[in-house]
C-alpha atoms as a PDB file:
ATOM      1  CA  MET A   1    -233.143  48.475 -85.096  1.00  0.00           C
ATOM      2  CA  ASN A   2    -233.897  51.601 -87.590  1.00  0.00           C
ATOM      3  CA  ARG A   3    -236.323  54.206 -87.379  1.00  0.00           C
ATOM      4  CA  HIS A   4    -239.186  52.264 -89.244  1.00  0.00           C
ATOM      5  CA  LEU A   5    -241.557  49.422 -87.973  1.00  0.00           C
ATOM      6  CA  LEU A   6    -242.024  47.217 -91.070  1.00  0.00           C
ATOM      7  CA  SER A   7    -242.129  43.662 -89.761  1.00  0.00           C
ATOM      8  CA  ALA A   8    -242.655  42.114 -86.276  1.00  0.00           C
ATOM      9  CA  GLY A   9    -239.690  39.962 -87.271  1.00  0.00           C
ATOM     10  CA  ASP A  10    -237.308  43.154 -87.048  1.00  0.00           C
ATOM     11  CA  LEU A  11    -238.100  43.489 -83.416  1.00  0.00           C
ATOM     12  CA  SER A  12    -235.683  41.967 -80.992  1.00  0.00           C
ATOM     13  CA  LYS A  13    -237.057  41.069 -77.555  1.00  0.00           C
ATOM     14  CA  SER A  14    -236.144  43.916 -75.784  1.00  0.00           C
ATOM     15  CA  ASP A  15    -237.689  46.306 -78.590  1.00  0.00           C
ATOM     16  CA  ALA A  16    -240.560  44.503 -78.216  1.00  0.00           C
ATOM     17  CA  LEU A  17    -240.886  44.332 -74.389  1.00  0.00           C
ATOM     18  CA  LEU A  18    -239.930  48.329 -74.456  1.00  0.00           C
ATOM     19  CA  ILE A  19    -242.973  48.793 -76.750  1.00  0.00           C
ATOM     20  CA  LEU A  20    -245.192  46.818 -74.606  1.00  0.00           C
ATOM     21  CA  ASP A  21    -243.812  48.494 -71.486  1.00  0.00           C
ATOM     22  CA  THR A  22    -244.250  51.817 -72.886  1.00  0.00           C
ATOM     23  CA  ALA A  23    -247.996  50.994 -74.144  1.00  0.00           C
ATOM     24  CA  ALA A  24    -249.095  50.043 -70.579  1.00  0.00           C
ATOM     25  CA  GLU A  25    -247.709  53.593 -69.103  1.00  0.00           C
ATOM     26  CA  LEU A  26    -249.648  55.316 -71.947  1.00  0.00           C
ATOM     27  CA  GLY A  27    -252.540  53.213 -71.502  1.00  0.00           C
ATOM     28  CA  GLN A  28    -253.068  54.832 -68.038  1.00  0.00           C
ATOM     29  CA  LEU A  29    -253.946  58.117 -70.020  1.00  0.00           C
ATOM     30  CA  ALA A  30    -257.243  56.783 -70.686  1.00  0.00           C
ATOM     31  CA  ASP A  31    -258.193  57.037 -67.035  1.00  0.00           C
ATOM     32  CA  ARG A  32    -257.431  60.649 -67.038  1.00  0.00           C
ATOM     33  CA  PRO A  33    -259.789  63.523 -67.585  1.00  0.00           C
ATOM     34  CA  VAL A  34    -257.299  64.949 -70.221  1.00  0.00           C
ATOM     35  CA  LYS A  35    -256.411  61.921 -72.514  1.00  0.00           C
ATOM     36  CA  LYS A  36    -253.408  63.956 -74.368  1.00  0.00           C
ATOM     37  CA  LEU A  37    -249.686  64.339 -73.723  1.00  0.00           C
ATOM     38  CA  PRO A  38    -247.540  67.207 -75.602  1.00  0.00           C
ATOM     39  CA  THR A  39    -245.140  64.699 -76.691  1.00  0.00           C
ATOM     40  CA  LEU A  40    -245.527  65.003 -80.394  1.00  0.00           C
ATOM     41  CA  ARG A  41    -246.610  68.706 -80.609  1.00  0.00           C
ATOM     42  CA  GLY A  42    -245.371  69.931 -84.023  1.00  0.00           C
ATOM     43  CA  ARG A  43    -244.860  66.657 -85.486  1.00  0.00           C
ATOM     44  CA  THR A  44    -247.023  65.305 -88.263  1.00  0.00           C
ATOM     45  CA  VAL A  45    -248.349  61.897 -89.022  1.00  0.00           C
ATOM     46  CA  VAL A  46    -249.662  60.899 -92.495  1.00  0.00           C
ATOM     47  CA  ASN A  47    -252.326  57.828 -92.425  1.00  0.00           C
ATOM     48  CA  LEU A  48    -251.677  56.542 -96.108  1.00  0.00           C
ATOM     49  CA  PHE A  49    -254.065  53.975 -96.927  1.00  0.00           C
ATOM     50  CA  PHE A  50    -254.490  52.446-100.211  1.00  0.00           C
ATOM     51  CA  GLU A  51    -256.988  50.056 -98.788  1.00  0.00           C
ATOM     52  CA  ASP A  52    -259.849  50.560 -96.608  1.00  0.00           C
ATOM     53  CA  SER A  53    -259.462  49.716 -92.766  1.00  0.00           C
ATOM     54  CA  THR A  54    -261.706  52.031 -90.907  1.00  0.00           C
ATOM     55  CA  ARG A  55    -260.630  50.432 -87.391  1.00  0.00           C
ATOM     56  CA  THR A  56    -256.818  50.591 -87.919  1.00  0.00           C
ATOM     57  CA  ARG A  57    -257.136  54.036 -89.424  1.00  0.00           C
ATOM     58  CA  ILE A  58    -258.854  55.438 -86.534  1.00  0.00           C
ATOM     59  CA  SER A  59    -256.669  53.557 -84.138  1.00  0.00           C
ATOM     60  CA  PHE A  60    -253.428  55.185 -85.477  1.00  0.00           C
ATOM     61  CA  GLU A  61    -255.460  58.653 -85.853  1.00  0.00           C
ATOM     62  CA  ALA A  62    -256.320  58.399 -81.993  1.00  0.00           C
ATOM     63  CA  ALA A  63    -253.142  57.515 -81.121  1.00  0.00           C
ATOM     64  CA  ALA A  64    -251.322  60.367 -82.901  1.00  0.00           C
ATOM     65  CA  LYS A  65    -253.865  62.814 -81.712  1.00  0.00           C
ATOM     66  CA  ARG A  66    -253.361  61.608 -77.818  1.00  0.00           C
ATOM     67  CA  LEU A  67    -249.754  62.438 -78.378  1.00  0.00           C
ATOM     68  CA  SER A  68    -250.827  66.026 -79.805  1.00  0.00           C
ATOM     69  CA  ALA A  69    -249.339  65.436 -83.373  1.00  0.00           C
ATOM     70  CA  ASP A  70    -250.930  66.890 -86.329  1.00  0.00           C
ATOM     71  CA  VAL A  71    -252.532  64.076 -88.491  1.00  0.00           C
ATOM     72  CA  ILE A  72    -253.151  64.091 -92.056  1.00  0.00           C
ATOM     73  CA  ASN A  73    -255.459  61.188 -93.590  1.00  0.00           C
ATOM     74  CA  PHE A  74    -254.698  60.449 -96.866  1.00  0.00           C
ATOM     75  CA  SER A  75    -257.162  57.839 -98.686  1.00  0.00           C
ATOM     76  CA  ALA A  76    -255.904  56.602-102.160  1.00  0.00           C
ATOM     77  CA  LYS A  77    -259.558  55.827-102.935  1.00  0.00           C
ATOM     78  CA  GLY A  78    -260.841  58.237-105.497  1.00  0.00           C
ATOM     79  CA  SER A  79    -257.594  60.229-105.259  1.00  0.00           C
ATOM     80  CA  SER A  80    -254.938  60.896-107.955  1.00  0.00           C
ATOM     81  CA  VAL A  81    -253.390  57.743-106.778  1.00  0.00           C
ATOM     82  CA  SER A  82    -256.186  55.753-108.180  1.00  0.00           C
ATOM     83  CA  LYS A  83    -256.015  57.719-111.531  1.00  0.00           C
ATOM     84  CA  GLY A  84    -252.197  56.455-111.975  1.00  0.00           C
ATOM     85  CA  GLU A  85    -250.179  58.367-109.527  1.00  0.00           C
ATOM     86  CA  SER A  86    -247.179  56.294-108.284  1.00  0.00           C
ATOM     87  CA  LEU A  87    -246.339  55.359-104.585  1.00  0.00           C
ATOM     88  CA  LYS A  88    -243.092  57.451-105.504  1.00  0.00           C
ATOM     89  CA  ASP A  89    -245.071  60.626-106.668  1.00  0.00           C
ATOM     90  CA  THR A  90    -247.217  60.081-103.404  1.00  0.00           C
ATOM     91  CA  ALA A  91    -244.282  59.566-101.171  1.00  0.00           C
ATOM     92  CA  LEU A  92    -242.599  62.928-102.706  1.00  0.00           C
ATOM     93  CA  THR A  93    -245.777  64.828-102.032  1.00  0.00           C
ATOM     94  CA  LEU A  94    -245.893  63.647 -98.458  1.00  0.00           C
ATOM     95  CA  GLU A  95    -242.091  64.628 -97.919  1.00  0.00           C
ATOM     96  CA  ALA A  96    -242.762  68.233 -99.317  1.00  0.00           C
ATOM     97  CA  MET A  97    -245.698  68.425 -96.587  1.00  0.00           C
ATOM     98  CA  GLY A  98    -243.168  67.678 -93.742  1.00  0.00           C
ATOM     99  CA  ALA A  99    -244.424  64.391 -92.946  1.00  0.00           C
ATOM    100  CA  ASP A 100    -242.527  63.137 -89.884  1.00  0.00           C
ATOM    101  CA  ALA A 101    -244.198  59.637 -90.019  1.00  0.00           C
ATOM    102  CA  VAL A 102    -246.260  57.731 -92.600  1.00  0.00           C
ATOM    103  CA  VAL A 103    -248.552  55.134 -91.655  1.00  0.00           C
ATOM    104  CA  ILE A 104    -249.239  52.934 -94.620  1.00  0.00           C
ATOM    105  CA  ARG A 105    -251.746  50.391 -95.406  1.00  0.00           C
ATOM    106  CA  HIS A 106    -251.355  48.798 -99.119  1.00  0.00           C
ATOM    107  CA  PRO A 107    -252.563  45.704-100.835  1.00  0.00           C
ATOM    108  CA  ALA A 108    -249.057  44.904-102.417  1.00  0.00           C
ATOM    109  CA  SER A 109    -246.902  43.120-100.007  1.00  0.00           C
ATOM    110  CA  GLY A 110    -243.752  44.711 -99.536  1.00  0.00           C
ATOM    111  CA  ALA A 111    -244.924  48.579-100.390  1.00  0.00           C
ATOM    112  CA  PRO A 112    -243.981  49.859 -96.866  1.00  0.00           C
ATOM    113  CA  HIS A 113    -240.605  48.252 -97.331  1.00  0.00           C
ATOM    114  CA  THR A 114    -240.182  49.949-100.768  1.00  0.00           C
ATOM    115  CA  LEU A 115    -241.309  53.284 -99.271  1.00  0.00           C
ATOM    116  CA  ALA A 116    -238.948  53.091 -96.201  1.00  0.00           C
ATOM    117  CA  ASN A 117    -235.891  52.196 -98.231  1.00  0.00           C
ATOM    118  CA  SER A 118    -236.429  54.514-101.404  1.00  0.00           C
ATOM    119  CA  GLY A 119    -235.016  57.549 -99.913  1.00  0.00           C
ATOM    120  CA  TRP A 120    -238.137  59.237-101.072  1.00  0.00           C
ATOM    121  CA  ILE A 121    -239.237  60.162 -97.727  1.00  0.00           C
ATOM    122  CA  GLY A 122    -236.947  61.254 -94.690  1.00  0.00           C
ATOM    123  CA  GLY A 123    -239.576  60.286 -91.760  1.00  0.00           C
ATOM    124  CA  SER A 124    -240.448  57.001 -90.284  1.00  0.00           C
ATOM    125  CA  VAL A 125    -242.531  54.450 -91.802  1.00  0.00           C
ATOM    126  CA  VAL A 126    -244.902  52.247 -90.059  1.00  0.00           C
ATOM    127  CA  ASN A 127    -246.688  49.285 -91.673  1.00  0.00           C
ATOM    128  CA  ALA A 128    -250.197  49.175 -91.015  1.00  0.00           C
ATOM    129  CA  GLY A 129    -250.835  46.213 -93.172  1.00  0.00           C
ATOM    130  CA  ASP A 130    -249.260  44.941 -96.494  1.00  0.00           C
ATOM    131  CA  GLY A 131    -251.073  42.504 -98.665  1.00  0.00           C
ATOM    132  CA  THR A 132    -250.943  38.932 -97.356  1.00  0.00           C
ATOM    133  CA  HIS A 133    -247.753  39.797 -95.572  1.00  0.00           C
ATOM    134  CA  GLU A 134    -247.415  41.474 -92.100  1.00  0.00           C
ATOM    135  CA  HIS A 135    -249.362  43.716 -89.741  1.00  0.00           C
ATOM    136  CA  PRO A 136    -246.723  44.156 -86.795  1.00  0.00           C
ATOM    137  CA  THR A 137    -248.777  46.498 -84.740  1.00  0.00           C
ATOM    138  CA  GLN A 138    -251.709  43.862 -84.461  1.00  0.00           C
ATOM    139  CA  ALA A 139    -249.231  41.569 -83.270  1.00  0.00           C
ATOM    140  CA  LEU A 140    -248.052  44.002 -80.771  1.00  0.00           C
ATOM    141  CA  LEU A 141    -251.669  44.780 -79.582  1.00  0.00           C
ATOM    142  CA  ASP A 142    -252.430  41.133 -79.372  1.00  0.00           C
ATOM    143  CA  ALA A 143    -249.405  40.201 -77.333  1.00  0.00           C
ATOM    144  CA  PHE A 144    -250.301  43.492 -75.014  1.00  0.00           C
ATOM    145  CA  THR A 145    -253.729  41.977 -74.391  1.00  0.00           C
ATOM    146  CA  MET A 146    -252.191  38.324 -73.761  1.00  0.00           C
ATOM    147  CA  ARG A 147    -249.663  40.107 -71.089  1.00  0.00           C
ATOM    148  CA  ARG A 148    -252.647  41.835 -69.606  1.00  0.00           C
ATOM    149  CA  HIS A 149    -254.606  38.820 -68.935  1.00  0.00           C
ATOM    150  CA  LEU A 150    -251.839  35.976 -68.533  1.00  0.00           C
ATOM    151  CA  GLY A 151    -248.901  37.817 -67.225  1.00  0.00           C
ATOM    152  CA  ASP A 152    -245.529  37.049 -68.799  1.00  0.00           C
ATOM    153  CA  VAL A 153    -246.098  35.722 -72.773  1.00  0.00           C
ATOM    154  CA  ASP A 154    -242.985  33.513 -72.373  1.00  0.00           C
ATOM    155  CA  GLY A 155    -243.804  29.742 -72.125  1.00  0.00           C
ATOM    156  CA  ARG A 156    -247.691  30.481 -73.054  1.00  0.00           C
ATOM    157  CA  GLU A 157    -249.296  28.247 -75.605  1.00  0.00           C
ATOM    158  CA  VAL A 158    -251.254  30.097 -78.430  1.00  0.00           C
ATOM    159  CA  VAL A 159    -253.728  28.378 -80.997  1.00  0.00           C
ATOM    160  CA  VAL A 160    -254.272  30.589 -84.211  1.00  0.00           C
ATOM    161  CA  VAL A 161    -257.035  29.304 -86.150  1.00  0.00           C
ATOM    162  CA  GLY A 162    -258.426  30.029 -89.623  1.00  0.00           C
ATOM    163  CA  ASP A 163    -256.951  31.668 -93.030  1.00  0.00           C
ATOM    164  CA  VAL A 164    -253.312  31.514 -92.355  1.00  0.00           C
ATOM    165  CA  LEU A 165    -252.664  31.516 -95.791  1.00  0.00           C
ATOM    166  CA  HIS A 166    -254.155  35.102 -96.610  1.00  0.00           C
ATOM    167  CA  SER A 167    -253.370  36.297 -92.985  1.00  0.00           C
ATOM    168  CA  ARG A 168    -251.026  38.971 -92.411  1.00  0.00           C
ATOM    169  CA  VAL A 169    -252.000  39.040 -88.673  1.00  0.00           C
ATOM    170  CA  ALA A 170    -251.104  35.357 -88.405  1.00  0.00           C
ATOM    171  CA  ARG A 171    -247.589  36.028 -89.873  1.00  0.00           C
ATOM    172  CA  SER A 172    -246.742  38.817 -87.551  1.00  0.00           C
ATOM    173  CA  ASN A 173    -248.182  36.947 -84.584  1.00  0.00           C
ATOM    174  CA  VAL A 174    -246.050  33.945 -85.044  1.00  0.00           C
ATOM    175  CA  LEU A 175    -242.986  36.039 -85.355  1.00  0.00           C
ATOM    176  CA  LEU A 176    -243.494  38.465 -82.521  1.00  0.00           C
ATOM    177  CA  LEU A 177    -244.904  35.682 -80.217  1.00  0.00           C
ATOM    178  CA  ALA A 178    -241.781  33.380 -80.903  1.00  0.00           C
ATOM    179  CA  THR A 179    -239.465  36.316 -80.329  1.00  0.00           C
ATOM    180  CA  LEU A 180    -241.361  36.582 -76.968  1.00  0.00           C
ATOM    181  CA  GLY A 181    -240.924  32.969 -75.898  1.00  0.00           C
ATOM    182  CA  ALA A 182    -244.566  31.841 -76.535  1.00  0.00           C
ATOM    183  CA  HIS A 183    -245.298  28.681 -78.451  1.00  0.00           C
ATOM    184  CA  VAL A 184    -247.719  29.152 -81.296  1.00  0.00           C
ATOM    185  CA  THR A 185    -249.925  26.275 -82.875  1.00  0.00           C
ATOM    186  CA  LEU A 186    -251.646  27.302 -86.483  1.00  0.00           C
ATOM    187  CA  VAL A 187    -254.852  25.436 -86.992  1.00  0.00           C
ATOM    188  CA  ALA A 188    -256.431  25.149 -90.545  1.00  0.00           C
ATOM    189  CA  PRO A 189    -257.493  23.241 -93.191  1.00  0.00           C
ATOM    190  CA  PRO A 190    -254.489  22.190 -95.541  1.00  0.00           C
ATOM    191  CA  THR A 191    -255.730  24.502 -98.224  1.00  0.00           C
ATOM    192  CA  LEU A 192    -255.564  27.579 -96.066  1.00  0.00           C
ATOM    193  CA  LEU A 193    -251.796  26.790 -94.864  1.00  0.00           C
ATOM    194  CA  PRO A 194    -248.950  28.468 -96.834  1.00  0.00           C
ATOM    195  CA  VAL A 195    -246.431  26.917 -98.698  1.00  0.00           C
ATOM    196  CA  GLY A 196    -243.242  26.931 -96.459  1.00  0.00           C
ATOM    197  CA  ILE A 197    -245.035  26.672 -93.340  1.00  0.00           C
ATOM    198  CA  ASP A 198    -242.382  24.008 -92.046  1.00  0.00           C
ATOM    199  CA  THR A 199    -239.924  27.025 -91.726  1.00  0.00           C
ATOM    200  CA  TRP A 200    -242.100  29.117 -89.598  1.00  0.00           C
ATOM    201  CA  PRO A 201    -241.178  29.174 -85.690  1.00  0.00           C
ATOM    202  CA  CYS A 202    -244.513  27.431 -84.806  1.00  0.00           C
ATOM    203  CA  ASP A 203    -246.396  24.007 -85.121  1.00  0.00           C
ATOM    204  CA  TYR A 204    -249.596  23.631 -87.232  1.00  0.00           C
ATOM    205  CA  SER A 205    -252.586  21.067 -87.056  1.00  0.00           C
ATOM    206  CA  TYR A 206    -255.649  20.265 -88.997  1.00  0.00           C
ATOM    207  CA  ASP A 207    -257.613  19.266 -85.951  1.00  0.00           C
ATOM    208  CA  PHE A 208    -258.877  22.074 -83.807  1.00  0.00           C
ATOM    209  CA  ASP A 209    -260.080  20.199 -81.068  1.00  0.00           C
ATOM    210  CA  SER A 210    -256.846  18.371 -80.250  1.00  0.00           C
ATOM    211  CA  VAL A 211    -255.090  21.351 -79.320  1.00  0.00           C
ATOM    212  CA  LEU A 212    -257.699  23.138 -77.135  1.00  0.00           C
ATOM    213  CA  GLY A 213    -256.929  21.587 -73.751  1.00  0.00           C
ATOM    214  CA  LYS A 214    -253.502  23.203 -73.427  1.00  0.00           C
ATOM    215  CA  ALA A 215    -254.278  26.510 -75.167  1.00  0.00           C
ATOM    216  CA  ASP A 216    -253.747  29.829 -73.003  1.00  0.00           C
ATOM    217  CA  ALA A 217    -254.987  32.004 -75.890  1.00  0.00           C
ATOM    218  CA  VAL A 218    -257.177  31.221 -78.888  1.00  0.00           C
ATOM    219  CA  MET A 219    -257.068  33.795 -81.846  1.00  0.00           C
ATOM    220  CA  MET A 220    -259.562  33.133 -84.447  1.00  0.00           C
ATOM    221  CA  LEU A 221    -258.925  34.644 -87.739  1.00  0.00           C
ATOM    222  CA  ARG A 222    -261.559  36.380 -90.021  1.00  0.00           C
ATOM    223  CA  VAL A 223    -262.777  34.044 -92.921  1.00  0.00           C
ATOM    224  CA  GLN A 224    -262.800  36.446 -95.959  1.00  0.00           C
ATOM    225  CA  ARG A 225    -265.938  35.606 -97.748  1.00  0.00           C
ATOM    226  CA  GLU A 226    -264.386  35.868-101.134  1.00  0.00           C
ATOM    227  CA  ARG A 227    -262.286  32.645-100.334  1.00  0.00           C
ATOM    228  CA  MET A 228    -265.441  30.544-100.377  1.00  0.00           C
ATOM    229  CA  ASP A 229    -265.935  31.083-104.348  1.00  0.00           C
ATOM    230  CA  ALA A 230    -262.196  30.033-104.728  1.00  0.00           C
ATOM    231  CA  ALA A 231    -262.692  26.437-103.186  1.00  0.00           C
ATOM    232  CA  PHE A 232    -260.558  26.554-100.299  1.00  0.00           C
ATOM    233  CA  PHE A 233    -262.973  24.925 -98.176  1.00  0.00           C
ATOM    234  CA  PRO A 234    -266.336  23.024 -99.277  1.00  0.00           C
ATOM    235  CA  SER A 235    -268.849  25.464 -97.822  1.00  0.00           C
ATOM    236  CA  ALA A 236    -269.259  27.903 -94.850  1.00  0.00           C
ATOM    237  CA  ARG A 237    -271.255  25.142 -92.654  1.00  0.00           C
ATOM    238  CA  GLU A 238    -268.322  22.658 -93.235  1.00  0.00           C
ATOM    239  CA  TYR A 239    -265.828  25.223 -92.206  1.00  0.00           C
ATOM    240  CA  SER A 240    -267.842  26.386 -89.271  1.00  0.00           C
ATOM    241  CA  ARG A 241    -268.220  22.859 -88.029  1.00  0.00           C
ATOM    242  CA  ARG A 242    -264.576  22.021 -87.913  1.00  0.00           C
ATOM    243  CA  TYR A 243    -262.757  25.140 -87.337  1.00  0.00           C
ATOM    244  CA  GLY A 244    -265.505  27.461 -85.873  1.00  0.00           C
ATOM    245  CA  LEU A 245    -265.276  28.672 -82.213  1.00  0.00           C
ATOM    246  CA  ASP A 246    -268.438  27.450 -80.451  1.00  0.00           C
ATOM    247  CA  ASN A 247    -269.533  26.918 -76.727  1.00  0.00           C
ATOM    248  CA  ASP A 248    -268.769  23.309 -76.978  1.00  0.00           C
ATOM    249  CA  ARG A 249    -265.059  23.776 -78.052  1.00  0.00           C
ATOM    250  CA  MET A 250    -264.883  26.764 -75.565  1.00  0.00           C
ATOM    251  CA  ALA A 251    -265.621  24.135 -72.759  1.00  0.00           C
ATOM    252  CA  LEU A 252    -262.464  22.467 -73.733  1.00  0.00           C
ATOM    253  CA  LEU A 253    -260.190  25.232 -72.798  1.00  0.00           C
ATOM    254  CA  PRO A 254    -258.688  25.680 -69.684  1.00  0.00           C
ATOM    255  CA  GLU A 255    -260.517  27.914 -67.245  1.00  0.00           C
ATOM    256  CA  HIS A 256    -258.033  30.889 -67.731  1.00  0.00           C
ATOM    257  CA  ALA A 257    -257.812  30.796 -71.138  1.00  0.00           C
ATOM    258  CA  ILE A 258    -258.851  33.806 -73.365  1.00  0.00           C
ATOM    259  CA  VAL A 259    -260.343  34.209 -76.637  1.00  0.00           C
ATOM    260  CA  MET A 260    -259.126  36.766 -79.302  1.00  0.00           C
ATOM    261  CA  HIS A 261    -259.913  37.945 -82.724  1.00  0.00           C
ATOM    262  CA  PRO A 262    -258.459  40.790 -84.901  1.00  0.00           C
ATOM    263  CA  GLY A 263    -261.666  41.839 -86.211  1.00  0.00           C
ATOM    264  CA  PRO A 264    -263.901  42.293 -88.039  1.00  0.00           C
ATOM    265  CA  MET A 265    -265.835  39.134 -86.983  1.00  0.00           C
ATOM    266  CA  ASN A 266    -268.125  36.979 -89.068  1.00  0.00           C
ATOM    267  CA  ARG A 267    -270.253  35.834 -86.461  1.00  0.00           C
ATOM    268  CA  GLY A 268    -271.708  32.536 -86.688  1.00  0.00           C
ATOM    269  CA  LEU A 269    -268.726  31.433 -89.126  1.00  0.00           C
ATOM    270  CA  GLU A 270    -265.444  31.393 -87.335  1.00  0.00           C
ATOM    271  CA  ILE A 271    -266.968  32.395 -84.020  1.00  0.00           C
ATOM    272  CA  THR A 272    -270.339  32.127 -82.453  1.00  0.00           C
ATOM    273  CA  ALA A 273    -271.967  35.092 -81.190  1.00  0.00           C
ATOM    274  CA  GLU A 274    -272.201  33.521 -77.650  1.00  0.00           C
ATOM    275  CA  VAL A 275    -268.495  32.864 -77.740  1.00  0.00           C
ATOM    276  CA  ALA A 276    -267.709  36.396 -79.032  1.00  0.00           C
ATOM    277  CA  ASP A 277    -269.684  37.792 -76.123  1.00  0.00           C
ATOM    278  CA  ALA A 278    -268.637  35.571 -73.136  1.00  0.00           C
ATOM    279  CA  GLY A 279    -266.620  36.781 -70.381  1.00  0.00           C
ATOM    280  CA  ARG A 280    -263.379  35.383 -71.416  1.00  0.00           C
ATOM    281  CA  SER A 281    -263.634  36.941 -74.691  1.00  0.00           C
ATOM    282  CA  VAL A 282    -261.040  40.082 -74.661  1.00  0.00           C
ATOM    283  CA  ILE A 283    -261.862  41.160 -78.582  1.00  0.00           C
ATOM    284  CA  VAL A 284    -263.377  44.491 -77.392  1.00  0.00           C
ATOM    285  CA  GLU A 285    -260.310  45.046 -75.257  1.00  0.00           C
ATOM    286  CA  GLN A 286    -257.938  44.369 -78.166  1.00  0.00           C
ATOM    287  CA  VAL A 287    -259.306  47.474 -79.949  1.00  0.00           C
ATOM    288  CA  THR A 288    -258.867  49.782 -76.725  1.00  0.00           C
ATOM    289  CA  ASN A 289    -255.137  48.320 -76.273  1.00  0.00           C
ATOM    290  CA  GLY A 290    -254.751  48.935 -80.080  1.00  0.00           C
ATOM    291  CA  VAL A 291    -254.722  52.923 -79.333  1.00  0.00           C
ATOM    292  CA  SER A 292    -252.194  52.499 -76.506  1.00  0.00           C
ATOM    293  CA  VAL A 293    -249.766  50.332 -78.679  1.00  0.00           C
ATOM    294  CA  ARG A 294    -249.917  52.533 -81.516  1.00  0.00           C
ATOM    295  CA  MET A 295    -249.305  55.398 -79.233  1.00  0.00           C
ATOM    296  CA  ALA A 296    -246.249  53.613 -77.792  1.00  0.00           C
ATOM    297  CA  VAL A 297    -245.001  52.917 -81.422  1.00  0.00           C
ATOM    298  CA  LEU A 298    -245.244  56.482 -82.387  1.00  0.00           C
ATOM    299  CA  TYR A 299    -243.847  57.811 -79.048  1.00  0.00           C
ATOM    300  CA  LEU A 300    -240.702  55.641 -79.684  1.00  0.00           C
ATOM    301  CA  LEU A 301    -240.256  56.518 -83.152  1.00  0.00           C
ATOM    302  CA  LEU A 302    -240.723  60.468 -82.980  1.00  0.00           C
ATOM    303  CA  GLY A 303    -240.608  61.123 -79.526  1.00  0.00           C
ATOM    304  CA  GLY A 304    -236.767  62.490 -79.528  1.00  0.00           C
ATOM    305  CA  SER A 305    -235.126  59.062 -79.242  1.00  0.00           C
ATOM    306  CA  GLU A 306    -231.881  58.765 -81.334  1.00  0.00           C
ATOM    307  CA  SER A 307    -231.998  55.361 -81.570  1.00  0.00           C
ATOM    308  CA  ALA A 308    -235.695  55.009 -82.697  1.00  0.00           C
ATOM    309  CA  LEU A 309    -237.424  52.038 -80.570  1.00  0.00           C
ATOM    310  CA  GLY A 310    -234.329  51.545 -78.537  1.00  0.00           C
ATOM    311  CA  GLY A 311    -235.312  54.157 -75.954  1.00  0.00           C
ATOM    312  CA  VAL A 312    -237.985  56.617 -74.569  1.00  0.00           C
ATOM    313  CA  GLY A 313    -237.621  60.429 -75.776  1.00  0.00           C
ATOM    314  CA  GLU A 314    -236.873  63.433 -73.568  1.00  0.00           C
ATOM    315  CA  ASP A 315    -240.445  64.590 -73.816  1.00  0.00           C
ATOM    316  CA  ALA A 316    -241.645  61.773 -71.384  1.00  0.00           C
END
């Protein structure tokens, strides 16, 4: 394990469990009057976002600030980057500013790997979503949420439904959940499953109803409206009828099963408002858990541990 978090597939089971256990400890801060630790005082975390993602950026910002790090938010929209400055030039600028960690969201798959392996910066790189490739901290917060409600993730049945083809969330979840011992079934129309799906450590199905009876968790993926114009499915109504989660489908789930969504939701398309707001929906809790998990990642990468995610720093 190196000093970066680029892919959920890079995490061993012990790495992943260490992050989840650390997040559980750090999550207890939320119950305290003062929600800050001095662990990363004097460290600088840069949120480098080449794509808009208010939720993820704010989550990382809150996580860094609760650990007393200095935070610089760098939006590439409207900056010199959009005028032609390269990723290399931006990285060298951040290095000159003394960035200890760079949290990067980029529309190009592989950009965080380029940044981490370039030698342009000396700090840690955290992938906050790259193209249609990966989003490892989302997978970690999803696994954290499952653990809180289901106990051990090992042996659980997880169903992930929707636009798998374009979903970095689906890729990271499949990799991480397989590492943690869960069994994942992807559900989507054939047009929204990627080439090579047979090599993924999961099963897949075109029939949503057939897999609901054994699911411990159902994760609905956001349908991106722009996909409708590209003929990936006939119409919004047809998609919702076959792959949307409504009350009738929720009734097929076991009593203990939870409903998840990485957000933002299209209410009425992939999930009805009634289901999104139901008692077994943990969608709002996922947002809360995201801060704890991202605190754990930054803490383990920057908190003084020589082996990065291999141990807790001395500031604990």
